[in-house]
Amino acid sequence: MAKSQFDPSELETEELLTPETTDQDAFSDDTIADPEGAEAREPENRGTLYPTYLYRDYKVGVVNGVDGALVPNKSAIDAVMAIFEEKAETPVVEAKEKQFAKDLKAVVAGRKPLLAVDAPSSGIQCLREMTNAWSEFASLVYDYVNSSQSHSKETQMPDWLLQREAKMVDMGYKARLLREANSELFSDYGLPGKFELNRTRVRQSIESRFERLAAWHTSQHRESTAGDKMQKASSEFAQSIADNA
């Protein structure tokens, strides 16, 4: 029996044709080098003022009479405070105890000469530094946990997340060091009461941090949106000149 002749015209070739334009959904963003930018460019985020990842910690509201600005979510602040409560009385890990003891001795010795003049003012500055360190540490833990949960465990941890992890660990060491140093020095400050990590002040510091970041994100995304609108207007104006030429 003779073999049938192959006829290429019998094949469907329409799907093999290269489209004239490439849809934006065909592009794969670099989620490792630019995780936030990649999420902002996701289909569900296009055309919105803010990318969805910001709505975990912020909501849109009115700030200083400006409508559409980001405002911290109370739930995010409460979550960071819960981390602080969990970590506030914890020691450094056993592997760092010897170095911690040396560093504590050095910090106490270095600050005592500063208390010879106006000890209360110096003491207040030391306590404020400690408060801010604990606020930053708890916030870094919160950010790190959320970022690591969104990262695929099947791929290698990206550099930006490794850097965030290292900063979190170092800030935890610093916060504990300042806590112990202030505990030892408190009687030399000449301040009333007894030493404590003031929960109210830590919360205020956390709130201030969220407010600063909310203002920054609002500014960044508003500038980006304004730039897109200006570019579109400029393109439309140029096209109108070309059409009338």
C-alpha atoms as a PDB file:
ATOM      1  CA  MET A   1       0.000   0.000   0.000  1.00  0.00           C
ATOM      2  CA  ALA A   2       1.395   3.373  -0.949  1.00  0.00           C
ATOM      3  CA  LYS A   3       2.050   5.826   1.898  1.00  0.00           C
ATOM      4  CA  SER A   4      -0.170   8.896   1.937  1.00  0.00           C
ATOM      5  CA  GLN A   5       1.558  12.166   1.073  1.00  0.00           C
ATOM      6  CA  PHE A   6       2.045  14.609   4.003  1.00  0.00           C
ATOM      7  CA  ASP A   7       0.190  17.861   3.301  1.00  0.00           C
ATOM      8  CA  PRO A   8       1.254  20.757   5.578  1.00  0.00           C
ATOM      9  CA  SER A   9      -1.831  22.727   4.588  1.00  0.00           C
ATOM     10  CA  GLU A  10      -3.917  20.290   6.614  1.00  0.00           C
ATOM     11  CA  LEU A  11      -2.387  21.554   9.846  1.00  0.00           C
ATOM     12  CA  GLU A  12      -3.862  24.354  11.944  1.00  0.00           C
ATOM     13  CA  THR A  13      -1.219  27.080  11.887  1.00  0.00           C
ATOM     14  CA  GLU A  14      -3.078  30.044  13.323  1.00  0.00           C
ATOM     15  CA  GLU A  15      -1.883  29.473  16.911  1.00  0.00           C
ATOM     16  CA  LEU A  16       1.738  29.303  15.782  1.00  0.00           C
ATOM     17  CA  LEU A  17       1.688  32.855  14.452  1.00  0.00           C
ATOM     18  CA  THR A  18       3.504  35.467  16.531  1.00  0.00           C
ATOM     19  CA  PRO A  19       1.008  38.062  17.784  1.00  0.00           C
ATOM     20  CA  GLU A  20       1.558  41.666  16.742  1.00  0.00           C
ATOM     21  CA  THR A  21       1.557  42.806  20.377  1.00  0.00           C
ATOM     22  CA  THR A  22       2.574  41.040  23.577  1.00  0.00           C
ATOM     23  CA  ASP A  23       0.118  41.132  26.460  1.00  0.00           C
ATOM     24  CA  GLN A  24       1.563  42.359  29.747  1.00  0.00           C
ATOM     25  CA  ASP A  25       0.480  39.122  31.431  1.00  0.00           C
ATOM     26  CA  ALA A  26       3.007  37.265  29.293  1.00  0.00           C
ATOM     27  CA  PHE A  27       5.893  38.854  31.149  1.00  0.00           C
ATOM     28  CA  SER A  28       7.275  37.171  34.275  1.00  0.00           C
ATOM     29  CA  ASP A  29       8.424  39.667  36.897  1.00  0.00           C
ATOM     30  CA  ASP A  30      11.612  39.226  38.925  1.00  0.00           C
ATOM     31  CA  THR A  31      10.046  38.513  42.317  1.00  0.00           C
ATOM     32  CA  ILE A  32      13.444  37.924  43.944  1.00  0.00           C
ATOM     33  CA  ALA A  33      15.285  41.116  43.045  1.00  0.00           C
ATOM     34  CA  ASP A  34      12.199  43.339  43.157  1.00  0.00           C
ATOM     35  CA  PRO A  35       9.462  41.659  45.231  1.00  0.00           C
ATOM     36  CA  GLU A  36       7.447  44.785  45.980  1.00  0.00           C
ATOM     37  CA  GLY A  37       7.680  46.139  42.449  1.00  0.00           C
ATOM     38  CA  ALA A  38       6.669  42.771  41.026  1.00  0.00           C
ATOM     39  CA  GLU A  39       3.590  42.652  43.210  1.00  0.00           C
ATOM     40  CA  ALA A  40       2.667  46.216  42.299  1.00  0.00           C
ATOM     41  CA  ARG A  41       2.663  45.156  38.649  1.00  0.00           C
ATOM     42  CA  GLU A  42       0.402  42.144  39.195  1.00  0.00           C
ATOM     43  CA  PRO A  43      -2.830  42.293  37.127  1.00  0.00           C
ATOM     44  CA  GLU A  44      -5.032  42.878  40.167  1.00  0.00           C
ATOM     45  CA  ASN A  45      -2.887  45.871  41.185  1.00  0.00           C
ATOM     46  CA  ARG A  46      -2.816  47.675  37.847  1.00  0.00           C
ATOM     47  CA  GLY A  47      -4.771  50.879  37.812  1.00  0.00           C
ATOM     48  CA  THR A  48      -4.879  51.121  41.631  1.00  0.00           C
ATOM     49  CA  LEU A  49      -3.021  53.730  43.647  1.00  0.00           C
ATOM     50  CA  TYR A  50      -1.316  51.250  45.968  1.00  0.00           C
ATOM     51  CA  PRO A  51      -0.148  47.622  45.529  1.00  0.00           C
ATOM     52  CA  THR A  52      -2.075  45.047  47.548  1.00  0.00           C
ATOM     53  CA  TYR A  53       0.789  44.094  49.879  1.00  0.00           C
ATOM     54  CA  LEU A  54       0.520  47.517  51.564  1.00  0.00           C
ATOM     55  CA  TYR A  55      -3.068  46.862  52.649  1.00  0.00           C
ATOM     56  CA  ARG A  56      -1.842  44.311  55.195  1.00  0.00           C
ATOM     57  CA  ASP A  57      -0.443  47.137  57.317  1.00  0.00           C
ATOM     58  CA  TYR A  58      -2.266  50.226  56.020  1.00  0.00           C
ATOM     59  CA  LYS A  59      -5.659  51.466  54.906  1.00  0.00           C
ATOM     60  CA  VAL A  60      -6.601  54.449  52.782  1.00  0.00           C
ATOM     61  CA  GLY A  61      -7.840  57.448  54.736  1.00  0.00           C
ATOM     62  CA  VAL A  62      -7.372  61.150  55.339  1.00  0.00           C
ATOM     63  CA  VAL A  63      -4.103  62.535  56.759  1.00  0.00           C
ATOM     64  CA  ASN A  64      -3.729  66.273  57.439  1.00  0.00           C
ATOM     65  CA  GLY A  65      -6.655  66.976  55.127  1.00  0.00           C
ATOM     66  CA  VAL A  66      -5.195  64.860  52.311  1.00  0.00           C
ATOM     67  CA  ASP A  67      -7.660  62.251  51.088  1.00  0.00           C
ATOM     68  CA  GLY A  68      -6.363  58.935  49.731  1.00  0.00           C
ATOM     69  CA  ALA A  69      -3.315  58.792  52.018  1.00  0.00           C
ATOM     70  CA  LEU A  70      -2.186  55.601  53.743  1.00  0.00           C
ATOM     71  CA  VAL A  71      -3.025  55.212  57.445  1.00  0.00           C
ATOM     72  CA  PRO A  72      -1.577  52.453  59.691  1.00  0.00           C
ATOM     73  CA  ASN A  73      -3.902  49.586  60.562  1.00  0.00           C
ATOM     74  CA  LYS A  74      -4.398  49.105  64.293  1.00  0.00           C
ATOM     75  CA  SER A  75      -4.196  45.345  63.748  1.00  0.00           C
ATOM     76  CA  ALA A  76      -0.633  45.696  62.416  1.00  0.00           C
ATOM     77  CA  ILE A  77       0.422  47.808  65.394  1.00  0.00           C
ATOM     78  CA  ASP A  78      -1.171  45.280  67.767  1.00  0.00           C
ATOM     79  CA  ALA A  79       0.699  42.443  66.029  1.00  0.00           C
ATOM     80  CA  VAL A  80       4.057  44.196  66.476  1.00  0.00           C
ATOM     81  CA  MET A  81       3.244  44.900  70.127  1.00  0.00           C
ATOM     82  CA  ALA A  82       2.464  41.208  70.639  1.00  0.00           C
ATOM     83  CA  ILE A  83       5.937  40.369  69.329  1.00  0.00           C
ATOM     84  CA  PHE A  84       7.453  42.922  71.719  1.00  0.00           C
ATOM     85  CA  GLU A  85       5.609  41.374  74.670  1.00  0.00           C
ATOM     86  CA  GLU A  86       6.916  37.965  73.666  1.00  0.00           C
ATOM     87  CA  LYS A  87      10.541  39.127  73.324  1.00  0.00           C
ATOM     88  CA  ALA A  88      10.790  41.850  75.999  1.00  0.00           C
ATOM     89  CA  GLU A  89      12.222  39.708  78.810  1.00  0.00           C
ATOM     90  CA  THR A  90      14.148  37.175  76.724  1.00  0.00           C
ATOM     91  CA  PRO A  91      17.954  36.788  77.007  1.00  0.00           C
ATOM     92  CA  VAL A  92      20.420  36.459  74.148  1.00  0.00           C
ATOM     93  CA  VAL A  93      21.020  32.982  72.768  1.00  0.00           C
ATOM     94  CA  GLU A  94      23.451  30.836  74.716  1.00  0.00           C
ATOM     95  CA  ALA A  95      26.096  30.949  71.990  1.00  0.00           C
ATOM     96  CA  LYS A  96      26.391  34.732  72.404  1.00  0.00           C
ATOM     97  CA  GLU A  97      26.323  34.961  76.208  1.00  0.00           C
ATOM     98  CA  LYS A  98      30.083  35.410  76.701  1.00  0.00           C
ATOM     99  CA  GLN A  99      30.374  38.144  74.068  1.00  0.00           C
ATOM    100  CA  PHE A 100      27.215  39.756  75.416  1.00  0.00           C
ATOM    101  CA  ALA A 101      28.705  39.980  78.916  1.00  0.00           C
ATOM    102  CA  LYS A 102      31.823  41.684  77.518  1.00  0.00           C
ATOM    103  CA  ASP A 103      29.790  44.129  75.446  1.00  0.00           C
ATOM    104  CA  LEU A 104      27.519  44.933  78.399  1.00  0.00           C
ATOM    105  CA  LYS A 105      30.494  45.737  80.588  1.00  0.00           C
ATOM    106  CA  ALA A 106      31.912  48.008  77.878  1.00  0.00           C
ATOM    107  CA  VAL A 107      28.604  49.864  77.357  1.00  0.00           C
ATOM    108  CA  VAL A 108      28.104  50.477  81.095  1.00  0.00           C
ATOM    109  CA  ALA A 109      31.702  51.645  81.532  1.00  0.00           C
ATOM    110  CA  GLY A 110      31.445  53.936  78.521  1.00  0.00           C
ATOM    111  CA  ARG A 111      28.234  55.625  79.667  1.00  0.00           C
ATOM    112  CA  LYS A 112      29.069  56.207  83.312  1.00  0.00           C
ATOM    113  CA  PRO A 113      31.319  59.232  82.632  1.00  0.00           C
ATOM    114  CA  LEU A 114      28.399  60.888  80.776  1.00  0.00           C
ATOM    115  CA  LEU A 115      26.337  60.795  83.962  1.00  0.00           C
ATOM    116  CA  ALA A 116      28.709  63.052  85.904  1.00  0.00           C
ATOM    117  CA  VAL A 117      26.872  66.111  84.533  1.00  0.00           C
ATOM    118  CA  ASP A 118      23.079  66.381  84.184  1.00  0.00           C
ATOM    119  CA  ALA A 119      22.511  62.677  84.787  1.00  0.00           C
ATOM    120  CA  PRO A 120      18.697  62.814  84.391  1.00  0.00           C
ATOM    121  CA  SER A 121      18.903  64.243  80.843  1.00  0.00           C
ATOM    122  CA  SER A 122      21.517  61.675  79.860  1.00  0.00           C
ATOM    123  CA  GLY A 123      19.439  58.937  81.448  1.00  0.00           C
ATOM    124  CA  ILE A 124      16.333  59.958  79.520  1.00  0.00           C
ATOM    125  CA  GLN A 125      18.309  59.861  76.263  1.00  0.00           C
ATOM    126  CA  CYS A 126      19.559  56.351  77.077  1.00  0.00           C
ATOM    127  CA  LEU A 127      16.054  55.128  77.878  1.00  0.00           C
ATOM    128  CA  ARG A 128      14.716  56.671  74.665  1.00  0.00           C
ATOM    129  CA  GLU A 129      17.386  54.909  72.613  1.00  0.00           C
ATOM    130  CA  MET A 130      16.424  51.619  74.261  1.00  0.00           C
ATOM    131  CA  THR A 131      12.724  52.190  73.548  1.00  0.00           C
ATOM    132  CA  ASN A 132      13.393  52.895  69.869  1.00  0.00           C
ATOM    133  CA  ALA A 133      15.637  49.824  69.599  1.00  0.00           C
ATOM    134  CA  TRP A 134      12.902  47.567  70.953  1.00  0.00           C
ATOM    135  CA  SER A 135      10.327  49.172  68.674  1.00  0.00           C
ATOM    136  CA  GLU A 136      12.577  48.599  65.664  1.00  0.00           C
ATOM    137  CA  PHE A 137      13.417  45.022  66.698  1.00  0.00           C
ATOM    138  CA  ALA A 138       9.767  43.974  67.104  1.00  0.00           C
ATOM    139  CA  SER A 139       8.893  45.648  63.790  1.00  0.00           C
ATOM    140  CA  LEU A 140      11.725  43.841  61.990  1.00  0.00           C
ATOM    141  CA  VAL A 141      10.551  40.492  63.364  1.00  0.00           C
ATOM    142  CA  TYR A 142       7.039  41.266  62.112  1.00  0.00           C
ATOM    143  CA  ASP A 143       8.294  42.231  58.637  1.00  0.00           C
ATOM    144  CA  TYR A 144      10.635  39.242  58.422  1.00  0.00           C
ATOM    145  CA  VAL A 145       7.984  36.686  59.389  1.00  0.00           C
ATOM    146  CA  ASN A 146       5.479  38.085  56.881  1.00  0.00           C
ATOM    147  CA  SER A 147       8.067  38.227  54.099  1.00  0.00           C
ATOM    148  CA  SER A 148       9.347  34.687  54.744  1.00  0.00           C
ATOM    149  CA  GLN A 149       5.798  33.285  54.762  1.00  0.00           C
ATOM    150  CA  SER A 150       5.136  34.771  51.328  1.00  0.00           C
ATOM    151  CA  HIS A 151       8.405  33.379  49.950  1.00  0.00           C
ATOM    152  CA  SER A 152       8.336  29.965  48.310  1.00  0.00           C
ATOM    153  CA  LYS A 153      10.161  27.366  50.420  1.00  0.00           C
ATOM    154  CA  GLU A 154      11.120  25.523  47.258  1.00  0.00           C
ATOM    155  CA  THR A 155      13.463  28.294  46.115  1.00  0.00           C
ATOM    156  CA  GLN A 156      16.572  29.746  47.700  1.00  0.00           C
ATOM    157  CA  MET A 157      16.024  32.642  50.096  1.00  0.00           C
ATOM    158  CA  PRO A 158      16.734  35.897  48.211  1.00  0.00           C
ATOM    159  CA  ASP A 159      19.499  38.272  49.294  1.00  0.00           C
ATOM    160  CA  TRP A 160      17.098  41.008  50.417  1.00  0.00           C
ATOM    161  CA  LEU A 161      15.393  38.588  52.814  1.00  0.00           C
ATOM    162  CA  LEU A 162      18.740  37.323  54.135  1.00  0.00           C
ATOM    163  CA  GLN A 163      19.769  40.933  54.793  1.00  0.00           C
ATOM    164  CA  ARG A 164      16.490  41.570  56.594  1.00  0.00           C
ATOM    165  CA  GLU A 165      17.103  38.471  58.720  1.00  0.00           C
ATOM    166  CA  ALA A 166      20.633  39.590  59.654  1.00  0.00           C
ATOM    167  CA  LYS A 167      19.429  43.078  60.608  1.00  0.00           C
ATOM    168  CA  MET A 168      16.650  41.587  62.730  1.00  0.00           C
ATOM    169  CA  VAL A 169      19.087  39.382  64.665  1.00  0.00           C
ATOM    170  CA  ASP A 170      21.550  42.238  65.203  1.00  0.00           C
ATOM    171  CA  MET A 171      18.799  44.588  66.370  1.00  0.00           C
ATOM    172  CA  GLY A 172      17.618  41.987  68.860  1.00  0.00           C
ATOM    173  CA  TYR A 173      21.124  41.822  70.286  1.00  0.00           C
ATOM    174  CA  LYS A 174      21.312  45.617  70.515  1.00  0.00           C
ATOM    175  CA  ALA A 175      17.885  45.930  72.153  1.00  0.00           C
ATOM    176  CA  ARG A 176      18.774  43.396  74.844  1.00  0.00           C
ATOM    177  CA  LEU A 177      22.147  45.040  75.401  1.00  0.00           C
ATOM    178  CA  LEU A 178      20.523  48.435  75.953  1.00  0.00           C
ATOM    179  CA  ARG A 179      17.916  46.880  78.239  1.00  0.00           C
ATOM    180  CA  GLU A 180      20.544  45.330  80.520  1.00  0.00           C
ATOM    181  CA  ALA A 181      22.784  48.420  80.431  1.00  0.00           C
ATOM    182  CA  ASN A 182      19.930  50.720  81.431  1.00  0.00           C
ATOM    183  CA  SER A 183      18.910  48.305  84.149  1.00  0.00           C
ATOM    184  CA  GLU A 184      22.386  48.519  85.687  1.00  0.00           C
ATOM    185  CA  LEU A 185      22.705  52.290  85.241  1.00  0.00           C
ATOM    186  CA  PHE A 186      19.184  53.357  86.203  1.00  0.00           C
ATOM    187  CA  SER A 187      20.067  54.138  89.825  1.00  0.00           C
ATOM    188  CA  ASP A 188      22.718  56.587  88.538  1.00  0.00           C
ATOM    189  CA  TYR A 189      20.242  58.502  86.352  1.00  0.00           C
ATOM    190  CA  GLY A 190      18.624  60.297  89.259  1.00  0.00           C
ATOM    191  CA  LEU A 191      15.159  59.582  87.869  1.00  0.00           C
ATOM    192  CA  PRO A 192      12.112  58.658  89.977  1.00  0.00           C
ATOM    193  CA  GLY A 193      10.642  55.158  90.053  1.00  0.00           C
ATOM    194  CA  LYS A 194      12.325  51.929  89.010  1.00  0.00           C
ATOM    195  CA  PHE A 195      13.678  50.629  85.726  1.00  0.00           C
ATOM    196  CA  GLU A 196      11.230  49.094  83.274  1.00  0.00           C
ATOM    197  CA  LEU A 197      10.609  48.729  79.585  1.00  0.00           C
ATOM    198  CA  ASN A 198       7.747  51.184  79.277  1.00  0.00           C
ATOM    199  CA  ARG A 199       5.056  49.504  77.143  1.00  0.00           C
ATOM    200  CA  THR A 200       3.241  52.757  76.410  1.00  0.00           C
ATOM    201  CA  ARG A 201       6.361  54.419  75.028  1.00  0.00           C
ATOM    202  CA  VAL A 202       7.281  51.350  72.977  1.00  0.00           C
ATOM    203  CA  ARG A 203       3.817  51.368  71.402  1.00  0.00           C
ATOM    204  CA  GLN A 204       4.119  55.082  70.648  1.00  0.00           C
ATOM    205  CA  SER A 205       7.449  54.416  68.953  1.00  0.00           C
ATOM    206  CA  ILE A 206       5.915  51.597  66.890  1.00  0.00           C
ATOM    207  CA  GLU A 207       3.027  53.843  65.873  1.00  0.00           C
ATOM    208  CA  SER A 208       5.443  56.603  64.851  1.00  0.00           C
ATOM    209  CA  ARG A 209       7.398  54.132  62.717  1.00  0.00           C
ATOM    210  CA  PHE A 210       4.234  53.000  60.924  1.00  0.00           C
ATOM    211  CA  GLU A 211       3.177  56.617  60.386  1.00  0.00           C
ATOM    212  CA  ARG A 212       6.560  57.528  58.860  1.00  0.00           C
ATOM    213  CA  LEU A 213       6.408  54.531  56.515  1.00  0.00           C
ATOM    214  CA  ALA A 214       2.783  55.306  55.602  1.00  0.00           C
ATOM    215  CA  ALA A 215       3.759  58.855  54.644  1.00  0.00           C
ATOM    216  CA  TRP A 216       6.719  57.571  52.619  1.00  0.00           C
ATOM    217  CA  HIS A 217       4.658  54.978  50.720  1.00  0.00           C
ATOM    218  CA  THR A 218       1.918  57.540  50.082  1.00  0.00           C
ATOM    219  CA  SER A 219       4.455  59.974  48.659  1.00  0.00           C
ATOM    220  CA  GLN A 220       6.214  57.351  46.526  1.00  0.00           C
ATOM    221  CA  HIS A 221       3.073  55.934  44.927  1.00  0.00           C
ATOM    222  CA  ARG A 222       1.419  59.310  44.457  1.00  0.00           C
ATOM    223  CA  GLU A 223       4.525  60.600  42.659  1.00  0.00           C
ATOM    224  CA  SER A 224       4.582  57.479  40.504  1.00  0.00           C
ATOM    225  CA  THR A 225       0.900  57.864  39.613  1.00  0.00           C
ATOM    226  CA  ALA A 226       1.327  61.569  38.881  1.00  0.00           C
ATOM    227  CA  GLY A 227       4.298  60.797  36.645  1.00  0.00           C
ATOM    228  CA  ASP A 228       2.265  58.249  34.687  1.00  0.00           C
ATOM    229  CA  LYS A 229      -0.557  60.763  34.185  1.00  0.00           C
ATOM    230  CA  MET A 230       1.866  63.484  33.059  1.00  0.00           C
ATOM    231  CA  GLN A 231       3.537  61.103  30.641  1.00  0.00           C
ATOM    232  CA  LYS A 232       0.158  60.071  29.205  1.00  0.00           C
ATOM    233  CA  ALA A 233      -0.935  63.705  28.865  1.00  0.00           C
ATOM    234  CA  SER A 234       2.355  64.566  27.179  1.00  0.00           C
ATOM    235  CA  SER A 235       1.966  61.656  24.741  1.00  0.00           C
ATOM    236  CA  GLU A 236      -1.609  62.678  23.914  1.00  0.00           C
ATOM    237  CA  PHE A 237      -0.518  66.289  23.343  1.00  0.00           C
ATOM    238  CA  ALA A 238       2.281  65.165  21.023  1.00  0.00           C
ATOM    239  CA  GLN A 239      -0.143  62.948  19.118  1.00  0.00           C
ATOM    240  CA  SER A 240      -2.584  65.856  18.682  1.00  0.00           C
ATOM    241  CA  ILE A 241       0.199  67.981  17.161  1.00  0.00           C
ATOM    242  CA  ALA A 242       1.107  65.142  14.804  1.00  0.00           C
ATOM    243  CA  ASP A 243      -2.527  64.675  13.808  1.00  0.00           C
ATOM    244  CA  ASN A 244      -2.843  68.377  12.935  1.00  0.00           C
ATOM    245  CA  ALA A 245       0.476  68.658  11.140  1.00  0.00           C
END
